[in-house]
Amino acid sequence: MTRASDGKLVTNADYRGQVVMLYFGYTFCPDVCPTTLANLTQILAQLGPDAQQIRVLFVTVDPHRDTLAVLAAYVQNFARQIDGLRGTADQLESLARRYRLVYSVTPETRAHPYEVTHASAIYVFDRSGAARFLVPSLTSATPDITGVVLDLKRLISEKSDSHT
């Protein structure tokens, strides 16, 4: 995938040593994505200095419209620990299949507007890159911000080699 902020090609190896939260969405999303990213920003703020040990990877499921420039500008509205990532259709399909992510993009037609759907789960990985837990959604009226903060603090406090 390509990181929007600097155009660098990155892999999961670039994020080893950090707790990683992986979220799939798109910048034109009217509600789920901005709510999720705002809640992640709140979670990172509650972590204080420990937030520097976390990276949130926001992978666009709509690379046709989400150019690197659009994606970079969008994630700047949230915490600085959030990296916008964009891949080719094949890269996105491969990553989505790996995590069993459901998404679809339906181009606009005369009878139907452009439509994007996607799951709202957030995958959380420890410093070694091992999947540790799934946050089902942060879009409810009362998301479990406190619970996620406590889970992240636990992961931050673990040594990086504890699950290799």
N, C-alpha and C. Protein backbone atom coordinates (compact mmCIF):
# COMPACT_ATOMS: atom_id res chain seq x y z
N MET A 1 0.84 -1.18 0.00
CA MET A 1 0.00 0.00 0.00
C MET A 1 0.89 1.25 0.00
N THR A 2 0.33 2.33 -0.46
CA THR A 2 1.05 3.60 -0.48
C THR A 2 0.51 4.50 0.63
N ARG A 3 1.42 5.04 1.43
CA ARG A 3 1.04 5.95 2.51
C ARG A 3 0.78 7.32 1.90
N ALA A 4 -0.37 7.88 2.18
CA ALA A 4 -0.80 9.14 1.57
C ALA A 4 0.06 10.33 1.97
N SER A 5 0.55 10.35 3.19
CA SER A 5 1.27 11.53 3.67
C SER A 5 2.60 11.76 2.97
N ASP A 6 3.25 10.67 2.53
CA ASP A 6 4.57 10.84 1.92
C ASP A 6 4.77 10.04 0.64
N GLY A 7 3.74 9.31 0.20
CA GLY A 7 3.85 8.54 -1.04
C GLY A 7 4.72 7.30 -0.94
N LYS A 8 5.12 6.94 0.28
CA LYS A 8 6.00 5.78 0.48
C LYS A 8 5.20 4.48 0.42
N LEU A 9 5.75 3.48 -0.27
CA LEU A 9 5.17 2.14 -0.25
C LEU A 9 5.48 1.53 1.10
N VAL A 10 4.46 1.01 1.78
CA VAL A 10 4.65 0.44 3.11
C VAL A 10 4.04 -0.96 3.17
N THR A 11 4.57 -1.76 4.09
CA THR A 11 4.03 -3.08 4.40
C THR A 11 3.85 -3.16 5.90
N ASN A 12 3.33 -4.28 6.36
CA ASN A 12 3.15 -4.43 7.80
C ASN A 12 4.49 -4.36 8.54
N ALA A 13 5.57 -4.70 7.87
CA ALA A 13 6.90 -4.63 8.51
C ALA A 13 7.27 -3.20 8.91
N ASP A 14 6.77 -2.21 8.17
CA ASP A 14 7.07 -0.80 8.50
C ASP A 14 6.46 -0.38 9.84
N TYR A 15 5.49 -1.14 10.33
CA TYR A 15 4.79 -0.77 11.55
C TYR A 15 5.12 -1.71 12.73
N ARG A 16 6.07 -2.64 12.52
CA ARG A 16 6.49 -3.51 13.62
C ARG A 16 7.03 -2.65 14.75
N GLY A 17 6.75 -3.08 15.97
CA GLY A 17 7.20 -2.33 17.14
C GLY A 17 6.14 -1.37 17.65
N GLN A 18 5.08 -1.21 16.89
CA GLN A 18 3.97 -0.34 17.31
C GLN A 18 2.70 -1.17 17.40
N VAL A 19 1.78 -0.74 18.23
CA VAL A 19 0.44 -1.32 18.25
C VAL A 19 -0.27 -0.71 17.04
N VAL A 20 -0.90 -1.56 16.24
CA VAL A 20 -1.54 -1.09 15.01
C VAL A 20 -3.03 -1.36 15.05
N MET A 21 -3.79 -0.34 14.65
CA MET A 21 -5.23 -0.47 14.48
C MET A 21 -5.51 -0.30 12.99
N LEU A 22 -6.14 -1.30 12.39
CA LEU A 22 -6.41 -1.31 10.96
C LEU A 22 -7.89 -1.11 10.71
N TYR A 23 -8.20 -0.07 9.96
CA TYR A 23 -9.60 0.27 9.67
C TYR A 23 -9.75 0.54 8.18
N PHE A 24 -10.78 -0.04 7.58
CA PHE A 24 -11.08 0.15 6.17
C PHE A 24 -12.26 1.09 6.03
N GLY A 25 -12.12 2.10 5.16
CA GLY A 25 -13.19 3.06 4.95
C GLY A 25 -12.92 3.88 3.71
N TYR A 26 -13.51 5.06 3.64
CA TYR A 26 -13.28 5.94 2.49
C TYR A 26 -13.61 7.37 2.87
N THR A 27 -12.98 8.31 2.19
CA THR A 27 -13.06 9.72 2.58
C THR A 27 -14.41 10.36 2.29
N PHE A 28 -15.15 9.84 1.34
CA PHE A 28 -16.45 10.42 1.00
C PHE A 28 -17.57 9.86 1.87
N CYS A 29 -17.24 9.02 2.81
CA CYS A 29 -18.21 8.40 3.72
C CYS A 29 -18.92 9.50 4.51
N PRO A 30 -20.25 9.50 4.50
CA PRO A 30 -20.96 10.58 5.17
C PRO A 30 -21.06 10.46 6.69
N ASP A 31 -20.87 9.26 7.25
CA ASP A 31 -21.12 9.13 8.68
C ASP A 31 -20.21 8.13 9.40
N VAL A 32 -20.16 6.89 8.96
CA VAL A 32 -19.43 5.85 9.69
C VAL A 32 -17.95 6.18 9.83
N CYS A 33 -17.29 6.51 8.73
CA CYS A 33 -15.84 6.76 8.78
C CYS A 33 -15.47 8.00 9.60
N PRO A 34 -16.11 9.14 9.37
CA PRO A 34 -15.71 10.29 10.20
C PRO A 34 -16.01 10.07 11.69
N THR A 35 -17.11 9.37 11.99
CA THR A 35 -17.42 9.08 13.39
C THR A 35 -16.38 8.15 13.99
N THR A 36 -16.02 7.12 13.26
CA THR A 36 -15.02 6.17 13.74
C THR A 36 -13.68 6.86 13.95
N LEU A 37 -13.23 7.65 12.98
CA LEU A 37 -11.94 8.34 13.10
C LEU A 37 -11.96 9.39 14.21
N ALA A 38 -13.09 10.05 14.41
CA ALA A 38 -13.20 11.00 15.52
C ALA A 38 -13.11 10.27 16.86
N ASN A 39 -13.75 9.12 16.96
CA ASN A 39 -13.67 8.34 18.20
C ASN A 39 -12.27 7.78 18.41
N LEU A 40 -11.60 7.36 17.34
CA LEU A 40 -10.21 6.92 17.47
C LEU A 40 -9.31 8.07 17.91
N THR A 41 -9.58 9.26 17.42
CA THR A 41 -8.84 10.45 17.84
C THR A 41 -9.04 10.69 19.34
N GLN A 42 -10.27 10.51 19.81
CA GLN A 42 -10.55 10.67 21.24
C GLN A 42 -9.82 9.60 22.05
N ILE A 43 -9.80 8.39 21.56
CA ILE A 43 -9.09 7.30 22.25
C ILE A 43 -7.60 7.63 22.35
N LEU A 44 -7.02 8.07 21.25
CA LEU A 44 -5.60 8.42 21.25
C LEU A 44 -5.31 9.58 22.20
N ALA A 45 -6.21 10.54 22.26
CA ALA A 45 -6.04 11.67 23.19
C ALA A 45 -6.06 11.17 24.64
N GLN A 46 -6.94 10.23 24.95
CA GLN A 46 -7.02 9.70 26.31
C GLN A 46 -5.78 8.90 26.69
N LEU A 47 -5.07 8.37 25.70
CA LEU A 47 -3.85 7.62 25.98
C LEU A 47 -2.67 8.53 26.31
N GLY A 48 -2.81 9.80 26.00
CA GLY A 48 -1.73 10.74 26.29
C GLY A 48 -0.46 10.37 25.54
N PRO A 49 0.71 10.46 26.21
CA PRO A 49 1.98 10.15 25.54
C PRO A 49 2.06 8.72 24.99
N ASP A 50 1.31 7.79 25.58
CA ASP A 50 1.32 6.40 25.09
C ASP A 50 0.77 6.30 23.67
N ALA A 51 0.02 7.27 23.23
CA ALA A 51 -0.55 7.24 21.87
C ALA A 51 0.54 7.24 20.80
N GLN A 52 1.74 7.70 21.16
CA GLN A 52 2.84 7.69 20.19
C GLN A 52 3.26 6.28 19.81
N GLN A 53 2.84 5.30 20.59
CA GLN A 53 3.19 3.91 20.32
C GLN A 53 2.13 3.20 19.48
N ILE A 54 1.16 3.95 18.98
CA ILE A 54 0.06 3.39 18.20
C ILE A 54 0.02 4.05 16.83
N ARG A 55 -0.28 3.25 15.81
CA ARG A 55 -0.55 3.75 14.47
C ARG A 55 -1.92 3.23 14.08
N VAL A 56 -2.73 4.11 13.55
CA VAL A 56 -4.02 3.74 12.97
C VAL A 56 -3.83 3.77 11.47
N LEU A 57 -4.12 2.66 10.82
CA LEU A 57 -4.01 2.58 9.37
C LEU A 57 -5.41 2.64 8.78
N PHE A 58 -5.69 3.73 8.09
CA PHE A 58 -6.99 3.95 7.46
C PHE A 58 -6.82 3.60 5.98
N VAL A 59 -7.29 2.41 5.61
CA VAL A 59 -7.13 1.90 4.24
C VAL A 59 -8.40 2.22 3.46
N THR A 60 -8.26 2.96 2.36
CA THR A 60 -9.42 3.31 1.58
C THR A 60 -9.92 2.11 0.77
N VAL A 61 -11.23 1.92 0.78
CA VAL A 61 -11.86 0.90 -0.07
C VAL A 61 -12.37 1.53 -1.36
N ASP A 62 -12.09 2.82 -1.54
CA ASP A 62 -12.54 3.56 -2.72
C ASP A 62 -11.35 4.27 -3.38
N PRO A 63 -10.35 3.50 -3.84
CA PRO A 63 -9.16 4.14 -4.40
C PRO A 63 -9.43 4.92 -5.69
N HIS A 64 -10.55 4.67 -6.33
CA HIS A 64 -10.88 5.42 -7.54
C HIS A 64 -11.04 6.92 -7.22
N ARG A 65 -11.75 7.23 -6.14
CA ARG A 65 -11.95 8.63 -5.75
C ARG A 65 -10.94 9.12 -4.73
N ASP A 66 -10.48 8.21 -3.87
CA ASP A 66 -9.54 8.60 -2.82
C ASP A 66 -8.10 8.58 -3.35
N THR A 67 -7.74 9.65 -4.04
CA THR A 67 -6.35 9.79 -4.48
C THR A 67 -5.48 10.00 -3.25
N LEU A 68 -4.18 9.91 -3.43
CA LEU A 68 -3.28 10.13 -2.29
C LEU A 68 -3.48 11.52 -1.70
N ALA A 69 -3.67 12.53 -2.55
CA ALA A 69 -3.86 13.91 -2.06
C ALA A 69 -5.15 14.03 -1.25
N VAL A 70 -6.22 13.43 -1.74
CA VAL A 70 -7.51 13.48 -1.04
C VAL A 70 -7.40 12.75 0.30
N LEU A 71 -6.79 11.59 0.28
CA LEU A 71 -6.63 10.80 1.49
C LEU A 71 -5.75 11.51 2.52
N ALA A 72 -4.65 12.09 2.07
CA ALA A 72 -3.75 12.81 2.98
C ALA A 72 -4.46 13.99 3.63
N ALA A 73 -5.22 14.74 2.85
CA ALA A 73 -5.95 15.89 3.40
C ALA A 73 -7.02 15.43 4.40
N TYR A 74 -7.67 14.35 4.09
CA TYR A 74 -8.75 13.84 4.96
C TYR A 74 -8.22 13.42 6.33
N VAL A 75 -7.17 12.61 6.36
CA VAL A 75 -6.70 12.11 7.65
C VAL A 75 -6.07 13.21 8.51
N GLN A 76 -5.69 14.33 7.89
CA GLN A 76 -5.15 15.45 8.67
C GLN A 76 -6.21 16.06 9.58
N ASN A 77 -7.48 15.74 9.35
CA ASN A 77 -8.55 16.24 10.21
C ASN A 77 -8.65 15.49 11.54
N PHE A 78 -7.84 14.44 11.68
CA PHE A 78 -7.92 13.59 12.85
C PHE A 78 -6.54 13.51 13.51
N ALA A 79 -6.36 12.57 14.40
CA ALA A 79 -5.09 12.43 15.13
C ALA A 79 -3.93 12.20 14.19
N ARG A 80 -2.76 12.70 14.56
CA ARG A 80 -1.60 12.57 13.68
C ARG A 80 -1.06 11.15 13.61
N GLN A 81 -1.55 10.26 14.47
CA GLN A 81 -1.13 8.85 14.42
C GLN A 81 -1.89 8.07 13.36
N ILE A 82 -2.77 8.72 12.63
CA ILE A 82 -3.56 8.05 11.61
C ILE A 82 -2.89 8.21 10.25
N ASP A 83 -2.56 7.08 9.64
CA ASP A 83 -1.97 7.06 8.30
C ASP A 83 -3.03 6.62 7.30
N GLY A 84 -3.22 7.43 6.26
CA GLY A 84 -4.09 7.03 5.16
C GLY A 84 -3.30 6.15 4.21
N LEU A 85 -3.87 5.01 3.83
CA LEU A 85 -3.21 4.09 2.92
C LEU A 85 -4.10 3.82 1.72
N ARG A 86 -3.46 3.72 0.56
CA ARG A 86 -4.18 3.48 -0.69
C ARG A 86 -3.42 2.42 -1.47
N GLY A 87 -4.16 1.49 -2.02
CA GLY A 87 -3.54 0.46 -2.83
C GLY A 87 -4.25 0.33 -4.16
N THR A 88 -3.70 -0.52 -5.00
CA THR A 88 -4.37 -0.84 -6.25
C THR A 88 -5.60 -1.69 -5.93
N ALA A 89 -6.44 -1.89 -6.92
CA ALA A 89 -7.61 -2.74 -6.71
C ALA A 89 -7.20 -4.14 -6.28
N ASP A 90 -6.14 -4.67 -6.88
CA ASP A 90 -5.66 -6.01 -6.52
C ASP A 90 -5.10 -6.05 -5.10
N GLN A 91 -4.34 -5.04 -4.71
CA GLN A 91 -3.80 -4.98 -3.35
C GLN A 91 -4.93 -4.90 -2.33
N LEU A 92 -5.91 -4.07 -2.61
CA LEU A 92 -7.04 -3.92 -1.70
C LEU A 92 -7.82 -5.22 -1.60
N GLU A 93 -8.07 -5.86 -2.72
CA GLU A 93 -8.81 -7.13 -2.72
C GLU A 93 -8.06 -8.19 -1.91
N SER A 94 -6.74 -8.26 -2.08
CA SER A 94 -5.93 -9.23 -1.35
C SER A 94 -5.98 -8.95 0.16
N LEU A 95 -5.83 -7.70 0.55
CA LEU A 95 -5.87 -7.34 1.97
C LEU A 95 -7.25 -7.60 2.56
N ALA A 96 -8.29 -7.25 1.82
CA ALA A 96 -9.65 -7.48 2.30
C ALA A 96 -9.93 -8.98 2.47
N ARG A 97 -9.48 -9.76 1.54
CA ARG A 97 -9.67 -11.21 1.62
C ARG A 97 -8.94 -11.76 2.85
N ARG A 98 -7.74 -11.25 3.10
CA ARG A 98 -6.95 -11.72 4.25
C ARG A 98 -7.69 -11.51 5.56
N TYR A 99 -8.41 -10.40 5.68
CA TYR A 99 -9.13 -10.09 6.92
C TYR A 99 -10.63 -10.33 6.82
N ARG A 100 -11.03 -10.98 5.73
CA ARG A 100 -12.45 -11.30 5.51
C ARG A 100 -13.33 -10.06 5.60
N LEU A 101 -12.82 -8.99 5.05
CA LEU A 101 -13.54 -7.72 5.04
C LEU A 101 -14.54 -7.70 3.89
N VAL A 102 -15.73 -7.26 4.18
CA VAL A 102 -16.76 -7.12 3.16
C VAL A 102 -16.83 -5.64 2.78
N TYR A 103 -16.73 -5.37 1.48
CA TYR A 103 -16.90 -4.01 0.98
C TYR A 103 -17.36 -4.10 -0.47
N SER A 104 -17.96 -3.05 -0.95
CA SER A 104 -18.33 -3.00 -2.37
C SER A 104 -18.35 -1.55 -2.83
N VAL A 105 -18.05 -1.37 -4.10
CA VAL A 105 -18.12 -0.06 -4.73
C VAL A 105 -18.97 -0.24 -5.99
N THR A 106 -20.06 0.50 -6.04
CA THR A 106 -20.95 0.45 -7.19
C THR A 106 -20.88 1.79 -7.90
N PRO A 107 -20.31 1.80 -9.11
CA PRO A 107 -20.22 3.07 -9.86
C PRO A 107 -21.61 3.65 -10.15
N GLU A 108 -21.61 4.95 -10.34
CA GLU A 108 -22.86 5.65 -10.63
C GLU A 108 -23.41 5.24 -12.00
N THR A 109 -24.73 5.08 -12.05
CA THR A 109 -25.43 4.86 -13.31
C THR A 109 -26.61 5.83 -13.35
N ARG A 110 -27.33 5.83 -14.43
CA ARG A 110 -28.52 6.70 -14.51
C ARG A 110 -29.53 6.36 -13.42
N ALA A 111 -29.62 5.08 -13.09
CA ALA A 111 -30.63 4.63 -12.13
C ALA A 111 -30.13 4.54 -10.69
N HIS A 112 -28.82 4.68 -10.51
CA HIS A 112 -28.28 4.45 -9.17
C HIS A 112 -27.09 5.37 -8.90
N PRO A 113 -27.04 6.02 -7.72
CA PRO A 113 -25.89 6.87 -7.40
C PRO A 113 -24.65 6.03 -7.06
N TYR A 114 -23.48 6.65 -7.09
CA TYR A 114 -22.24 6.00 -6.68
C TYR A 114 -22.43 5.55 -5.24
N GLU A 115 -22.09 4.31 -4.96
CA GLU A 115 -22.33 3.79 -3.61
C GLU A 115 -21.16 2.93 -3.15
N VAL A 116 -20.75 3.15 -1.91
CA VAL A 116 -19.69 2.36 -1.29
C VAL A 116 -20.24 1.81 0.02
N THR A 117 -20.03 0.53 0.24
CA THR A 117 -20.39 -0.08 1.52
C THR A 117 -19.15 -0.78 2.07
N HIS A 118 -19.07 -0.83 3.38
CA HIS A 118 -17.93 -1.50 4.02
C HIS A 118 -18.26 -1.83 5.46
N ALA A 119 -17.54 -2.81 5.99
CA ALA A 119 -17.69 -3.17 7.40
C ALA A 119 -17.03 -2.09 8.26
N SER A 120 -17.41 -2.01 9.51
CA SER A 120 -16.87 -0.94 10.36
C SER A 120 -15.96 -1.44 11.48
N ALA A 121 -15.54 -2.69 11.41
CA ALA A 121 -14.68 -3.24 12.45
C ALA A 121 -13.26 -2.67 12.36
N ILE A 122 -12.58 -2.67 13.50
CA ILE A 122 -11.19 -2.23 13.58
C ILE A 122 -10.37 -3.40 14.11
N TYR A 123 -9.38 -3.80 13.33
CA TYR A 123 -8.50 -4.89 13.69
C TYR A 123 -7.33 -4.33 14.49
N VAL A 124 -6.99 -4.98 15.60
CA VAL A 124 -5.92 -4.47 16.46
C VAL A 124 -4.81 -5.52 16.56
N PHE A 125 -3.57 -5.07 16.32
CA PHE A 125 -2.40 -5.94 16.30
C PHE A 125 -1.40 -5.47 17.35
N ASP A 126 -0.71 -6.43 17.95
CA ASP A 126 0.31 -6.07 18.93
C ASP A 126 1.60 -5.66 18.21
N ARG A 127 2.63 -5.35 18.97
CA ARG A 127 3.88 -4.84 18.42
C ARG A 127 4.58 -5.81 17.47
N SER A 128 4.31 -7.11 17.62
CA SER A 128 4.92 -8.11 16.75
C SER A 128 4.13 -8.32 15.48
N GLY A 129 2.95 -7.69 15.39
CA GLY A 129 2.12 -7.85 14.21
C GLY A 129 1.06 -8.93 14.35
N ALA A 130 0.96 -9.54 15.53
CA ALA A 130 -0.05 -10.57 15.75
C ALA A 130 -1.41 -9.93 16.01
N ALA A 131 -2.44 -10.48 15.38
CA ALA A 131 -3.81 -10.00 15.62
C ALA A 131 -4.18 -10.31 17.06
N ARG A 132 -4.69 -9.32 17.78
CA ARG A 132 -5.01 -9.50 19.19
C ARG A 132 -6.49 -9.38 19.50
N PHE A 133 -7.15 -8.40 18.92
CA PHE A 133 -8.59 -8.29 19.14
C PHE A 133 -9.23 -7.45 18.05
N LEU A 134 -10.54 -7.47 18.05
CA LEU A 134 -11.34 -6.76 17.06
C LEU A 134 -12.28 -5.81 17.79
N VAL A 135 -12.28 -4.57 17.39
CA VAL A 135 -13.26 -3.61 17.90
C VAL A 135 -14.40 -3.65 16.89
N PRO A 136 -15.58 -4.16 17.27
CA PRO A 136 -16.66 -4.34 16.29
C PRO A 136 -17.08 -3.06 15.60
N SER A 137 -17.13 -1.97 16.32
CA SER A 137 -17.52 -0.69 15.73
C SER A 137 -17.35 0.41 16.76
N LEU A 138 -17.07 1.61 16.26
CA LEU A 138 -17.03 2.78 17.14
C LEU A 138 -18.06 3.80 16.68
N THR A 139 -19.15 3.31 16.08
CA THR A 139 -20.14 4.23 15.53
C THR A 139 -21.46 4.23 16.28
N SER A 140 -21.56 3.48 17.37
CA SER A 140 -22.81 3.47 18.13
C SER A 140 -22.98 4.80 18.86
N ALA A 141 -24.15 5.00 19.42
CA ALA A 141 -24.42 6.23 20.17
C ALA A 141 -23.53 6.32 21.41
N THR A 142 -23.15 5.17 21.95
CA THR A 142 -22.28 5.14 23.13
C THR A 142 -21.16 4.11 22.91
N PRO A 143 -20.16 4.45 22.09
CA PRO A 143 -19.06 3.50 21.85
C PRO A 143 -18.26 3.29 23.13
N ASP A 144 -17.67 2.10 23.24
CA ASP A 144 -16.89 1.76 24.43
C ASP A 144 -15.48 2.34 24.35
N ILE A 145 -15.39 3.65 24.43
CA ILE A 145 -14.10 4.35 24.36
C ILE A 145 -13.19 3.87 25.50
N THR A 146 -13.72 3.83 26.71
CA THR A 146 -12.94 3.45 27.88
C THR A 146 -12.39 2.04 27.75
N GLY A 147 -13.20 1.11 27.28
CA GLY A 147 -12.76 -0.26 27.11
C GLY A 147 -11.63 -0.38 26.10
N VAL A 148 -11.74 0.35 25.00
CA VAL A 148 -10.70 0.31 23.98
C VAL A 148 -9.41 0.92 24.53
N VAL A 149 -9.53 2.02 25.26
CA VAL A 149 -8.35 2.65 25.87
C VAL A 149 -7.65 1.65 26.79
N LEU A 150 -8.40 0.96 27.62
CA LEU A 150 -7.80 -0.02 28.55
C LEU A 150 -7.14 -1.17 27.79
N ASP A 151 -7.79 -1.67 26.74
CA ASP A 151 -7.19 -2.74 25.93
C ASP A 151 -5.89 -2.28 25.28
N LEU A 152 -5.88 -1.06 24.77
CA LEU A 152 -4.68 -0.54 24.13
C LEU A 152 -3.56 -0.34 25.15
N LYS A 153 -3.89 0.14 26.33
CA LYS A 153 -2.87 0.31 27.38
C LYS A 153 -2.23 -1.03 27.71
N ARG A 154 -3.03 -2.08 27.74
CA ARG A 154 -2.50 -3.42 28.02
C ARG A 154 -1.53 -3.84 26.92
N LEU A 155 -1.91 -3.62 25.66
CA LEU A 155 -1.01 -3.98 24.56
C LEU A 155 0.27 -3.14 24.57
N ILE A 156 0.15 -1.88 24.88
CA ILE A 156 1.32 -0.99 24.93
C ILE A 156 2.29 -1.46 26.00
N SER A 157 1.77 -1.95 27.10
CA SER A 157 2.63 -2.37 28.22
C SER A 157 3.32 -3.71 27.98
N GLU A 158 2.87 -4.49 26.99
CA GLU A 158 3.50 -5.78 26.71
C GLU A 158 4.81 -5.60 25.96
N LYS A 159 5.73 -6.52 26.19
CA LYS A 159 6.98 -6.53 25.42
C LYS A 159 6.68 -6.98 24.01
N SER A 160 7.42 -6.49 23.03
CA SER A 160 7.15 -6.78 21.63
C SER A 160 7.36 -8.24 21.26
N ASP A 161 8.12 -8.96 22.03
CA ASP A 161 8.38 -10.35 21.67
C ASP A 161 7.47 -11.34 22.41
N SER A 162 6.45 -10.86 23.09
CA SER A 162 5.62 -11.74 23.90
C SER A 162 4.72 -12.64 23.07
N HIS A 163 4.48 -12.31 21.80
CA HIS A 163 3.59 -13.13 20.97
C HIS A 163 4.19 -13.41 19.62
N THR A 164 5.48 -13.68 19.56
CA THR A 164 6.11 -13.96 18.27
C THR A 164 6.13 -15.43 17.98
